[in-house]
C-alpha atoms as a PDB file:
ATOM      1  CA  MET A   1     -16.233  25.563 -34.195  1.00  0.00           C
ATOM      2  CA  LYS A   2     -13.551  27.182 -32.017  1.00  0.00           C
ATOM      3  CA  ASN A   3     -16.027  27.210 -29.121  1.00  0.00           C
ATOM      4  CA  LEU A   4     -16.619  23.457 -29.440  1.00  0.00           C
ATOM      5  CA  ILE A   5     -12.979  22.436 -28.982  1.00  0.00           C
ATOM      6  CA  PRO A   6     -12.788  23.322 -25.248  1.00  0.00           C
ATOM      7  CA  ILE A   7     -16.131  21.603 -24.640  1.00  0.00           C
ATOM      8  CA  ILE A   8     -14.998  18.456 -26.429  1.00  0.00           C
ATOM      9  CA  LEU A   9     -11.743  18.418 -24.432  1.00  0.00           C
ATOM     10  CA  VAL A  10     -13.624  18.737 -21.145  1.00  0.00           C
ATOM     11  CA  LEU A  11     -16.011  15.924 -22.136  1.00  0.00           C
ATOM     12  CA  LEU A  12     -13.102  13.671 -23.089  1.00  0.00           C
ATOM     13  CA  MET A  13     -11.382  14.296 -19.760  1.00  0.00           C
ATOM     14  CA  LEU A  14     -14.571  13.635 -17.779  1.00  0.00           C
ATOM     15  CA  SER A  15     -15.368  10.429 -19.656  1.00  0.00           C
ATOM     16  CA  GLY A  16     -12.109   8.888 -18.444  1.00  0.00           C
ATOM     17  CA  CYS A  17     -12.923   9.480 -14.782  1.00  0.00           C
ATOM     18  CA  GLY A  18     -15.515   6.710 -14.421  1.00  0.00           C
ATOM     19  CA  SER A  19     -18.428   6.538 -12.039  1.00  0.00           C
ATOM     20  CA  ARG A  20     -18.091   6.428  -8.273  1.00  0.00           C
ATOM     21  CA  ASP A  21     -20.616   3.584  -8.222  1.00  0.00           C
ATOM     22  CA  GLU A  22     -18.365   1.257 -10.221  1.00  0.00           C
ATOM     23  CA  PRO A  23     -16.288  -1.156  -8.151  1.00  0.00           C
ATOM     24  CA  ALA A  24     -12.612  -0.344  -8.272  1.00  0.00           C
ATOM     25  CA  GLU A  25     -10.534  -3.027  -9.923  1.00  0.00           C
ATOM     26  CA  THR A  26      -7.553  -3.968  -7.859  1.00  0.00           C
ATOM     27  CA  SER A  27      -4.321  -5.595  -8.825  1.00  0.00           C
ATOM     28  CA  ALA A  28      -2.886  -5.395  -5.337  1.00  0.00           C
ATOM     29  CA  PRO A  29      -3.554  -7.732  -2.431  1.00  0.00           C
ATOM     30  CA  MET A  30      -5.148  -6.389   0.703  1.00  0.00           C
ATOM     31  CA  ARG A  31      -2.553  -6.050   3.462  1.00  0.00           C
ATOM     32  CA  ILE A  32      -3.951  -6.964   6.885  1.00  0.00           C
ATOM     33  CA  SER A  33      -2.539  -7.228  10.392  1.00  0.00           C
ATOM     34  CA  HIS A  34      -1.946 -10.421  12.358  1.00  0.00           C
ATOM     35  CA  ALA A  35      -4.957  -9.553  14.516  1.00  0.00           C
ATOM     36  CA  GLU A  36      -7.206  -9.178  11.470  1.00  0.00           C
ATOM     37  CA  ALA A  37      -5.927 -12.471  10.026  1.00  0.00           C
ATOM     38  CA  LEU A  38      -6.521 -14.247  13.341  1.00  0.00           C
ATOM     39  CA  GLU A  39     -10.077 -12.891  13.462  1.00  0.00           C
ATOM     40  CA  MET A  40     -10.757 -14.062   9.886  1.00  0.00           C
ATOM     41  CA  ILE A  41      -9.356 -17.513  10.731  1.00  0.00           C
ATOM     42  CA  GLU A  42     -11.588 -17.745  13.808  1.00  0.00           C
ATOM     43  CA  GLN A  43     -14.617 -16.856  11.655  1.00  0.00           C
ATOM     44  CA  GLY A  44     -13.720 -19.752   9.334  1.00  0.00           C
ATOM     45  CA  ASP A  45     -13.999 -20.474   5.609  1.00  0.00           C
ATOM     46  CA  VAL A  46     -10.518 -19.245   4.714  1.00  0.00           C
ATOM     47  CA  ILE A  47      -7.444 -20.880   3.265  1.00  0.00           C
ATOM     48  CA  ILE A  48      -4.286 -20.126   5.204  1.00  0.00           C
ATOM     49  CA  LEU A  49      -1.462 -20.291   2.681  1.00  0.00           C
ATOM     50  CA  ASP A  50       2.128 -20.725   3.845  1.00  0.00           C
ATOM     51  CA  VAL A  51       4.476 -19.807   0.995  1.00  0.00           C
ATOM     52  CA  ARG A  52       7.734 -20.679   2.760  1.00  0.00           C
ATOM     53  CA  SER A  53       9.807 -23.682   1.780  1.00  0.00           C
ATOM     54  CA  LEU A  54       8.600 -27.115   2.845  1.00  0.00           C
ATOM     55  CA  SER A  55      11.470 -27.409   5.325  1.00  0.00           C
ATOM     56  CA  GLU A  56      10.429 -24.108   6.954  1.00  0.00           C
ATOM     57  CA  PHE A  57       6.822 -25.303   7.035  1.00  0.00           C
ATOM     58  CA  MET A  58       7.895 -28.506   8.799  1.00  0.00           C
ATOM     59  CA  GLU A  59       9.713 -26.479  11.470  1.00  0.00           C
ATOM     60  CA  GLY A  60       6.377 -24.945  12.492  1.00  0.00           C
ATOM     61  CA  HIS A  61       3.325 -23.432  10.827  1.00  0.00           C
ATOM     62  CA  ILE A  62      -0.048 -21.930  11.580  1.00  0.00           C
ATOM     63  CA  GLU A  63      -2.654 -24.578  12.335  1.00  0.00           C
ATOM     64  CA  ASN A  64      -4.554 -25.748   9.215  1.00  0.00           C
ATOM     65  CA  ALA A  65      -2.165 -23.921   6.889  1.00  0.00           C
ATOM     66  CA  VAL A  66      -1.580 -25.264   3.396  1.00  0.00           C
ATOM     67  CA  SER A  67       2.025 -25.373   2.210  1.00  0.00           C
ATOM     68  CA  LEU A  68       2.578 -23.997  -1.284  1.00  0.00           C
ATOM     69  CA  PRO A  69       6.092 -22.592  -1.608  1.00  0.00           C
ATOM     70  CA  LEU A  70       6.400 -19.346  -3.536  1.00  0.00           C
ATOM     71  CA  GLU A  71       8.367 -21.025  -6.328  1.00  0.00           C
ATOM     72  CA  GLN A  72       5.475 -23.442  -6.983  1.00  0.00           C
ATOM     73  CA  ILE A  73       2.542 -21.028  -7.063  1.00  0.00           C
ATOM     74  CA  GLY A  74       2.488 -20.645 -10.834  1.00  0.00           C
ATOM     75  CA  ASN A  75       2.382 -24.417 -11.367  1.00  0.00           C
ATOM     76  CA  TYR A  76       0.190 -25.623  -8.488  1.00  0.00           C
ATOM     77  CA  ALA A  77      -2.053 -22.823  -7.185  1.00  0.00           C
ATOM     78  CA  GLU A  78      -5.018 -23.737  -9.371  1.00  0.00           C
ATOM     79  CA  SER A  79      -4.946 -27.398  -8.332  1.00  0.00           C
ATOM     80  CA  ALA A  80      -4.363 -26.563  -4.652  1.00  0.00           C
ATOM     81  CA  ILE A  81      -7.001 -23.794  -4.585  1.00  0.00           C
ATOM     82  CA  PRO A  82      -9.518 -24.375  -7.404  1.00  0.00           C
ATOM     83  CA  ASP A  83     -12.036 -21.742  -6.196  1.00  0.00           C
ATOM     84  CA  LYS A  84     -10.606 -18.405  -7.289  1.00  0.00           C
ATOM     85  CA  ASP A  85     -13.140 -16.553  -5.123  1.00  0.00           C
ATOM     86  CA  GLN A  86     -12.032 -18.346  -1.935  1.00  0.00           C
ATOM     87  CA  THR A  87     -10.616 -16.097   0.780  1.00  0.00           C
ATOM     88  CA  ILE A  88      -6.873 -16.731   0.938  1.00  0.00           C
ATOM     89  CA  LEU A  89      -4.692 -15.523   3.812  1.00  0.00           C
ATOM     90  CA  VAL A  90      -1.036 -15.578   2.733  1.00  0.00           C
ATOM     91  CA  TYR A  91       2.018 -15.597   4.992  1.00  0.00           C
ATOM     92  CA  CYS A  92       5.719 -16.450   4.963  1.00  0.00           C
ATOM     93  CA  ARG A  93       8.502 -15.855   7.477  1.00  0.00           C
ATOM     94  CA  SER A  94       8.872 -12.081   7.425  1.00  0.00           C
ATOM     95  CA  GLY A  95       6.461 -10.757   4.784  1.00  0.00           C
ATOM     96  CA  ASN A  96       8.555 -10.518   1.616  1.00  0.00           C
ATOM     97  CA  ARG A  97       7.540 -13.797  -0.023  1.00  0.00           C
ATOM     98  CA  SER A  98       3.909 -13.415   1.046  1.00  0.00           C
ATOM     99  CA  ARG A  99       3.734 -10.105  -0.786  1.00  0.00           C
ATOM    100  CA  THR A 100       5.207 -11.597  -3.966  1.00  0.00           C
ATOM    101  CA  ALA A 101       2.959 -14.670  -3.705  1.00  0.00           C
ATOM    102  CA  SER A 102      -0.121 -12.509  -3.194  1.00  0.00           C
ATOM    103  CA  TYR A 103       0.574 -10.566  -6.382  1.00  0.00           C
ATOM    104  CA  GLU A 104       1.106 -13.836  -8.265  1.00  0.00           C
ATOM    105  CA  LEU A 105      -2.218 -15.196  -7.008  1.00  0.00           C
ATOM    106  CA  ILE A 106      -4.031 -12.073  -8.144  1.00  0.00           C
ATOM    107  CA  ALA A 107      -2.343 -12.340 -11.555  1.00  0.00           C
ATOM    108  CA  LEU A 108      -3.716 -15.901 -11.749  1.00  0.00           C
ATOM    109  CA  GLY A 109      -7.238 -14.564 -11.180  1.00  0.00           C
ATOM    110  CA  TYR A 110      -7.759 -15.024  -7.434  1.00  0.00           C
ATOM    111  CA  THR A 111     -10.058 -12.311  -6.127  1.00  0.00           C
ATOM    112  CA  ARG A 112      -9.876 -12.422  -2.311  1.00  0.00           C
ATOM    113  CA  VAL A 113      -6.187 -12.430  -1.423  1.00  0.00           C
ATOM    114  CA  TYR A 114      -5.026 -11.051   1.931  1.00  0.00           C
ATOM    115  CA  ASP A 115      -1.358 -10.728   2.822  1.00  0.00           C
ATOM    116  CA  PHE A 116      -0.707 -10.738   6.554  1.00  0.00           C
ATOM    117  CA  GLY A 117       3.069 -10.811   6.358  1.00  0.00           C
ATOM    118  CA  GLY A 118       5.197 -13.211   8.302  1.00  0.00           C
ATOM    119  CA  ILE A 119       4.827 -15.874  10.920  1.00  0.00           C
ATOM    120  CA  ASN A 120       7.350 -13.921  13.000  1.00  0.00           C
ATOM    121  CA  GLY A 121       5.336 -12.395  15.810  1.00  0.00           C
ATOM    122  CA  TRP A 122       2.221 -14.465  15.096  1.00  0.00           C
ATOM    123  CA  PRO A 123      -0.100 -14.187  18.130  1.00  0.00           C
ATOM    124  CA  GLY A 124      -1.952 -17.460  17.456  1.00  0.00           C
ATOM    125  CA  SER A 125      -0.886 -21.050  17.893  1.00  0.00           C
ATOM    126  CA  ILE A 126       1.844 -22.648  15.807  1.00  0.00           C
ATOM    127  CA  VAL A 127       1.920 -26.357  14.996  1.00  0.00           C
ATOM    128  CA  VAL A 128       5.260 -28.135  15.116  1.00  0.00           C
ATOM    129  CA  PRO A 129       5.013 -31.533  13.383  1.00  0.00           C
ATOM    130  CA  ASP A 130       6.625 -34.545  15.068  1.00  0.00           C
END
């Protein structure tokens, strides 16, 4: 019996390791660069999500971006973005709110969330409404 205890302990430790073939579950958004975000936008089929305030959005935003301020994500994300497997590129002004928003989206069940930080330094075009 004494010889079985070390074997049982080793088996218990190994059973918690999981298989390398299993997909890793993630609770963190993928952080990407401006260049990677621009490339994904050019390829199409993405939602560009601006999580700044509406007044900031109206001062200038990335073309085709959807405005959903950080404070409203919990209440309106599912109606604004019903497909939880849609690729979502999230940005704000400097990167702080986009990070928070990205985590909130993942907590709501969105599976393809990419945080590319802030509009500051954006290499693509910016739309300034009239």
